[in-house]
N, C-alpha and C. Protein backbone atom coordinates (compact mmCIF):
# COMPACT_ATOMS: atom_id res chain seq x y z
N MET A 1 -14.46 41.24 17.52
CA MET A 1 -15.41 40.39 17.20
C MET A 1 -16.08 39.93 18.20
N THR A 2 -17.11 39.54 18.15
CA THR A 2 -18.17 39.03 18.79
C THR A 2 -18.22 38.03 19.17
N ARG A 3 -18.54 37.28 20.54
CA ARG A 3 -18.26 35.67 21.06
C ARG A 3 -18.95 35.18 19.82
N ARG A 4 -19.78 35.02 19.42
CA ARG A 4 -20.07 34.33 18.15
C ARG A 4 -19.60 34.34 17.43
N GLU A 5 -18.34 35.10 16.83
CA GLU A 5 -17.51 34.97 15.90
C GLU A 5 -16.58 34.39 16.07
N SER A 6 -16.11 34.54 17.90
CA SER A 6 -15.17 34.02 18.22
C SER A 6 -15.12 32.44 18.25
N ARG A 7 -16.24 32.66 18.82
CA ARG A 7 -16.71 30.78 18.80
C ARG A 7 -16.22 29.97 17.54
N GLN A 8 -16.99 30.83 16.41
CA GLN A 8 -17.25 30.15 15.40
C GLN A 8 -15.59 29.89 14.32
N ALA A 9 -15.05 30.90 15.47
CA ALA A 9 -13.11 31.02 14.26
C ALA A 9 -12.88 29.41 15.64
N ARG A 10 -12.71 29.45 16.71
CA ARG A 10 -12.36 28.70 17.47
C ARG A 10 -12.91 27.24 16.77
N LEU A 11 -14.08 26.95 16.58
CA LEU A 11 -14.67 25.91 16.08
C LEU A 11 -13.83 25.21 14.98
N ALA A 12 -13.96 26.61 13.81
CA ALA A 12 -13.09 26.28 12.16
C ALA A 12 -11.94 25.68 12.55
N ALA A 13 -11.35 26.36 13.79
CA ALA A 13 -9.40 25.86 14.21
C ALA A 13 -9.76 24.54 14.56
N ALA A 14 -10.39 24.05 15.30
CA ALA A 14 -9.85 22.99 16.03
C ALA A 14 -10.53 22.02 14.61
N VAL A 15 -11.71 22.14 13.79
CA VAL A 15 -11.77 21.52 12.75
C VAL A 15 -11.10 20.87 11.89
N SER A 16 -10.11 22.09 11.56
CA SER A 16 -9.01 22.00 10.59
C SER A 16 -7.80 21.02 11.24
N ALA A 17 -8.16 21.83 12.31
CA ALA A 17 -6.39 20.75 13.31
C ALA A 17 -7.06 19.00 13.18
N ALA A 18 -8.41 18.98 13.32
CA ALA A 18 -8.82 17.51 13.61
C ALA A 18 -8.43 16.68 11.94
N VAL A 19 -8.96 17.36 10.92
CA VAL A 19 -8.63 17.19 9.63
C VAL A 19 -6.87 16.90 9.24
N ALA A 20 -6.30 17.98 9.49
CA ALA A 20 -5.06 17.44 9.78
C ALA A 20 -4.39 16.24 9.71
N ILE A 21 -4.75 16.18 11.15
CA ILE A 21 -3.84 15.17 12.14
C ILE A 21 -4.44 14.09 11.35
N ALA A 22 -6.00 13.86 10.91
CA ALA A 22 -6.73 12.53 10.33
C ALA A 22 -5.90 12.49 9.09
N LEU A 23 -5.44 13.45 8.02
CA LEU A 23 -5.12 13.18 6.94
C LEU A 23 -3.11 12.52 7.16
N ALA A 24 -2.61 13.11 8.13
CA ALA A 24 -1.26 12.90 8.48
C ALA A 24 -0.95 11.49 8.79
N THR A 25 -1.86 11.07 9.63
CA THR A 25 -1.69 9.70 10.13
C THR A 25 -2.55 8.32 9.17
N ALA A 26 -3.60 8.90 8.51
CA ALA A 26 -4.37 7.71 7.43
C ALA A 26 -3.05 7.05 6.84
N PRO A 27 -2.64 7.44 5.84
CA PRO A 27 -1.70 5.76 5.85
C PRO A 27 -0.71 4.69 6.72
N VAL A 28 -0.55 5.63 7.67
CA VAL A 28 -0.25 4.70 8.52
C VAL A 28 -1.40 3.63 8.92
N ALA A 29 -2.40 4.45 9.59
CA ALA A 29 -3.08 3.72 9.89
C ALA A 29 -3.96 2.50 8.66
N GLU A 30 -3.81 2.72 7.57
CA GLU A 30 -4.37 2.23 6.31
C GLU A 30 -3.33 0.54 6.43
N SER A 31 -2.29 1.06 6.48
CA SER A 31 -0.73 0.11 6.33
C SER A 31 -1.34 -0.56 7.25
N GLN A 32 -1.46 -0.44 8.42
CA GLN A 32 -1.45 -1.17 9.71
C GLN A 32 -2.58 -2.24 9.41
N ILE A 33 -3.64 -1.75 9.08
CA ILE A 33 -5.02 -2.78 8.70
C ILE A 33 -4.81 -3.43 7.79
N ARG A 34 -4.34 -2.91 6.14
CA ARG A 34 -4.73 -3.77 5.29
C ARG A 34 -2.84 -4.10 4.88
N GLY A 35 -2.32 -3.67 5.11
CA GLY A 35 -0.94 -3.92 5.13
C GLY A 35 -0.13 -3.67 3.98
N VAL A 36 1.02 -4.22 3.75
CA VAL A 36 1.90 -3.70 2.51
C VAL A 36 2.02 -4.15 1.15
N LYS A 37 2.17 -3.97 0.14
CA LYS A 37 2.43 -4.56 -1.01
C LYS A 37 3.91 -4.84 -1.41
N CYS A 38 3.56 -6.10 -1.74
CA CYS A 38 4.71 -6.61 -1.60
C CYS A 38 5.31 -7.24 -3.34
N TYR A 39 6.17 -6.68 -3.74
CA TYR A 39 6.26 -7.03 -4.96
C TYR A 39 7.64 -8.26 -5.43
N GLY A 40 6.66 -9.15 -6.33
CA GLY A 40 7.75 -10.12 -6.90
C GLY A 40 7.91 -11.39 -6.05
N ILE A 41 6.43 -11.65 -5.05
CA ILE A 41 6.92 -12.33 -4.32
C ILE A 41 5.09 -13.98 -4.36
N ALA A 42 5.00 -13.19 -6.07
CA ALA A 42 3.37 -13.79 -6.68
C ALA A 42 3.70 -15.11 -7.21
N LYS A 43 3.50 -16.31 -6.97
CA LYS A 43 3.29 -16.81 -7.58
C LYS A 43 2.08 -16.73 -9.14
N ALA A 44 2.36 -17.49 -10.25
CA ALA A 44 1.28 -16.98 -11.05
C ALA A 44 -0.15 -18.01 -10.63
N GLY A 45 -0.90 -16.62 -10.93
CA GLY A 45 -2.20 -16.81 -10.48
C GLY A 45 -3.02 -16.34 -8.87
N GLN A 46 -1.35 -15.98 -8.19
CA GLN A 46 -1.44 -15.96 -6.54
C GLN A 46 -1.12 -14.54 -6.84
N ASN A 47 -1.53 -13.78 -7.26
CA ASN A 47 -1.67 -12.00 -7.40
C ASN A 47 -2.95 -11.36 -6.66
N ASP A 48 -2.41 -10.47 -5.62
CA ASP A 48 -3.81 -10.13 -5.09
C ASP A 48 -4.25 -8.65 -5.56
N CYS A 49 -3.95 -8.03 -6.90
CA CYS A 49 -4.47 -7.43 -7.67
C CYS A 49 -4.08 -7.18 -8.66
N ALA A 50 -3.76 -5.75 -9.74
CA ALA A 50 -3.49 -5.07 -11.13
C ALA A 50 -2.32 -5.39 -10.56
N HIS A 51 -1.21 -5.41 -11.99
CA HIS A 51 0.09 -5.48 -12.38
C HIS A 51 0.21 -4.19 -12.18
N ALA A 52 1.30 -3.34 -12.10
CA ALA A 52 1.96 -2.18 -12.08
C ALA A 52 2.01 -1.55 -13.15
N ARG A 53 2.60 -2.23 -13.87
CA ARG A 53 2.43 -1.83 -15.03
C ARG A 53 0.85 -1.88 -16.27
N GLY A 54 -0.22 -2.17 -15.65
CA GLY A 54 -1.33 -2.25 -16.29
C GLY A 54 -1.05 -3.66 -17.17
N TYR A 55 -0.20 -4.68 -16.76
CA TYR A 55 -0.90 -5.85 -18.39
C TYR A 55 -1.69 -6.50 -17.51
N HIS A 56 -2.70 -6.57 -16.45
CA HIS A 56 -3.98 -7.14 -15.89
C HIS A 56 -4.08 -6.18 -15.05
N LEU A 57 -5.42 -6.33 -14.72
CA LEU A 57 -6.19 -5.66 -13.77
C LEU A 57 -6.94 -6.14 -12.59
N CYS A 58 -7.07 -7.33 -12.49
CA CYS A 58 -7.32 -8.24 -11.02
C CYS A 58 -6.60 -8.83 -10.69
N ALA A 59 -6.83 -9.54 -9.76
CA ALA A 59 -6.29 -10.75 -8.59
C ALA A 59 -6.28 -12.35 -9.53
N ALA A 60 -5.47 -12.63 -9.26
CA ALA A 60 -5.39 -14.06 -9.82
C ALA A 60 -4.78 -13.95 -11.13
N GLU A 61 -4.50 -13.21 -11.87
CA GLU A 61 -4.23 -13.46 -13.68
C GLU A 61 -3.11 -13.05 -14.02
N THR A 62 -1.80 -13.11 -13.19
CA THR A 62 -0.46 -12.92 -13.15
C THR A 62 -0.20 -14.47 -13.86
N LEU A 63 0.29 -14.54 -14.58
CA LEU A 63 0.98 -15.61 -15.84
C LEU A 63 2.35 -16.18 -15.04
N VAL A 64 2.64 -15.34 -14.58
CA VAL A 64 4.41 -16.17 -14.33
C VAL A 64 4.77 -15.41 -12.82
N ASP A 65 5.64 -16.68 -12.33
CA ASP A 65 5.48 -16.77 -11.24
C ASP A 65 6.92 -15.14 -10.94
N TYR A 66 6.60 -14.76 -9.50
CA TYR A 66 7.33 -13.65 -9.48
C TYR A 66 7.96 -12.39 -9.86
N ASP A 67 6.94 -11.84 -10.71
CA ASP A 67 7.14 -11.13 -11.57
C ASP A 67 7.08 -9.68 -10.78
N GLY A 68 8.22 -9.21 -10.96
CA GLY A 68 8.20 -7.57 -10.47
C GLY A 68 7.18 -6.87 -10.42
N GLY A 69 6.19 -6.57 -11.23
CA GLY A 69 5.19 -6.21 -11.34
C GLY A 69 3.88 -6.27 -10.47
N ASP A 70 3.92 -7.75 -10.13
CA ASP A 70 2.60 -8.28 -9.31
C ASP A 70 2.78 -8.19 -7.60
N TRP A 71 1.94 -8.41 -7.16
CA TRP A 71 2.46 -8.17 -5.42
C TRP A 71 1.06 -8.72 -4.94
N LYS A 72 1.23 -9.15 -3.72
CA LYS A 72 0.52 -9.51 -2.57
C LYS A 72 0.52 -8.77 -1.84
N LEU A 73 -0.49 -8.74 -0.90
CA LEU A 73 -0.33 -8.35 0.45
C LEU A 73 0.02 -8.89 1.86
N VAL A 74 1.44 -8.28 2.31
CA VAL A 74 1.76 -8.67 3.51
C VAL A 74 1.73 -7.55 4.82
N LYS A 75 1.86 -8.40 5.88
CA LYS A 75 1.82 -7.02 7.06
C LYS A 75 2.45 -6.63 7.03
N SER A 76 4.31 -6.02 6.62
CA SER A 76 4.91 -5.30 6.82
C SER A 76 5.92 -5.46 5.79
N ALA A 77 6.45 -4.29 5.66
CA ALA A 77 7.89 -4.22 4.62
C ALA A 77 8.44 -4.99 5.30
N ALA A 78 9.19 -5.41 6.77
CA ALA A 78 10.18 -6.39 7.19
C ALA A 78 9.55 -7.89 6.79
N GLU A 79 8.27 -8.07 6.80
CA GLU A 79 7.69 -9.47 6.61
C GLU A 79 8.09 -9.92 5.03
N CYS A 80 7.90 -8.40 3.26
CA CYS A 80 7.89 -8.22 2.30
C CYS A 80 9.65 -8.75 2.17
N GLU A 81 10.28 -7.82 2.94
CA GLU A 81 11.93 -7.89 2.77
C GLU A 81 12.44 -9.44 3.27
N ALA A 82 11.64 -10.07 4.19
CA ALA A 82 11.83 -11.12 4.55
C ALA A 82 11.46 -12.70 3.48
N GLN A 83 10.22 -12.11 2.37
CA GLN A 83 10.05 -13.14 1.72
C GLN A 83 10.88 -12.85 0.53
N GLY A 84 12.12 -11.90 0.52
CA GLY A 84 12.75 -11.73 -0.86
C GLY A 84 12.30 -11.05 -1.58
N GLY A 85 10.67 -10.51 -1.06
CA GLY A 85 9.96 -9.08 -2.20
C GLY A 85 10.72 -7.80 -2.03
N SER A 86 9.97 -6.99 -2.88
CA SER A 86 10.17 -5.28 -2.81
C SER A 86 8.80 -4.83 -2.60
N THR A 87 9.01 -3.49 -1.83
CA THR A 87 7.87 -2.90 -1.29
C THR A 87 7.52 -2.06 -2.80
N LYS A 88 8.56 -1.81 -3.86
CA LYS A 88 8.43 -0.92 -4.62
C LYS A 88 8.22 -2.33 -6.29
N PRO A 89 7.69 -1.74 -7.08
CA PRO A 89 7.74 -3.03 -8.44
C PRO A 89 9.08 -2.28 -9.09
N PHE A 90 9.43 -3.60 -9.87
CA PHE A 90 10.34 -3.50 -10.47
C PHE A 90 10.37 -4.36 -12.03
N ASP A 91 11.42 -4.07 -12.42
CA ASP A 91 10.75 -4.76 -14.29
C ASP A 91 11.82 -6.41 -13.74
N GLY A 92 10.95 -7.44 -14.87
CA GLY A 92 11.46 -8.50 -14.78
C GLY A 92 10.99 -9.57 -13.27
N ALA A 93 11.51 -10.29 -13.21
CA ALA A 93 11.70 -11.83 -12.60
C ALA A 93 12.17 -11.30 -11.25
N ASN A 94 11.86 -11.78 -9.98
CA ASN A 94 12.45 -11.55 -8.78
C ASN A 94 13.68 -11.93 -8.98
N PRO A 95 15.02 -11.77 -8.68
CA PRO A 95 16.22 -12.70 -8.48
C PRO A 95 16.47 -13.60 -7.30
N LYS A 96 15.51 -12.82 -6.48
CA LYS A 96 15.69 -13.69 -4.96
C LYS A 96 14.40 -14.34 -4.73
N ALA A 97 13.92 -14.84 -5.61
CA ALA A 97 12.68 -15.65 -5.56
C ALA A 97 13.09 -17.10 -5.66
N PRO A 98 12.58 -18.24 -4.77
CA PRO A 98 12.96 -19.81 -4.91
C PRO A 98 13.06 -20.28 -6.24
N LYS A 99 13.94 -21.01 -6.01
CA LYS A 99 14.14 -21.55 -7.28
C LYS A 99 13.53 -23.00 -7.65
N SER A 100 12.67 -23.02 -8.46
CA SER A 100 11.57 -24.08 -8.38
C SER A 100 12.17 -25.49 -9.09
């Protein structure tokens, strides 16, 4: 192997390692910046985006309080649980939701 081939091989290995590290840490970094989807805590008209089952596709379109398929963005899974929500969608209304 020539010096140039050796240098190219080391560069390729370094780039591959950097990409692997970036891919491995991307979900953590994104959740720290953006937050966590918390299902079952949104009041009617206050969801952040599409329903988990596709009943609607945009924010502020839910018609039902605390639907298990609608979500709001919160800072962490712990905050979601503290508000009585779930980090995974579920069927029906949230049984832990405040009684109105």
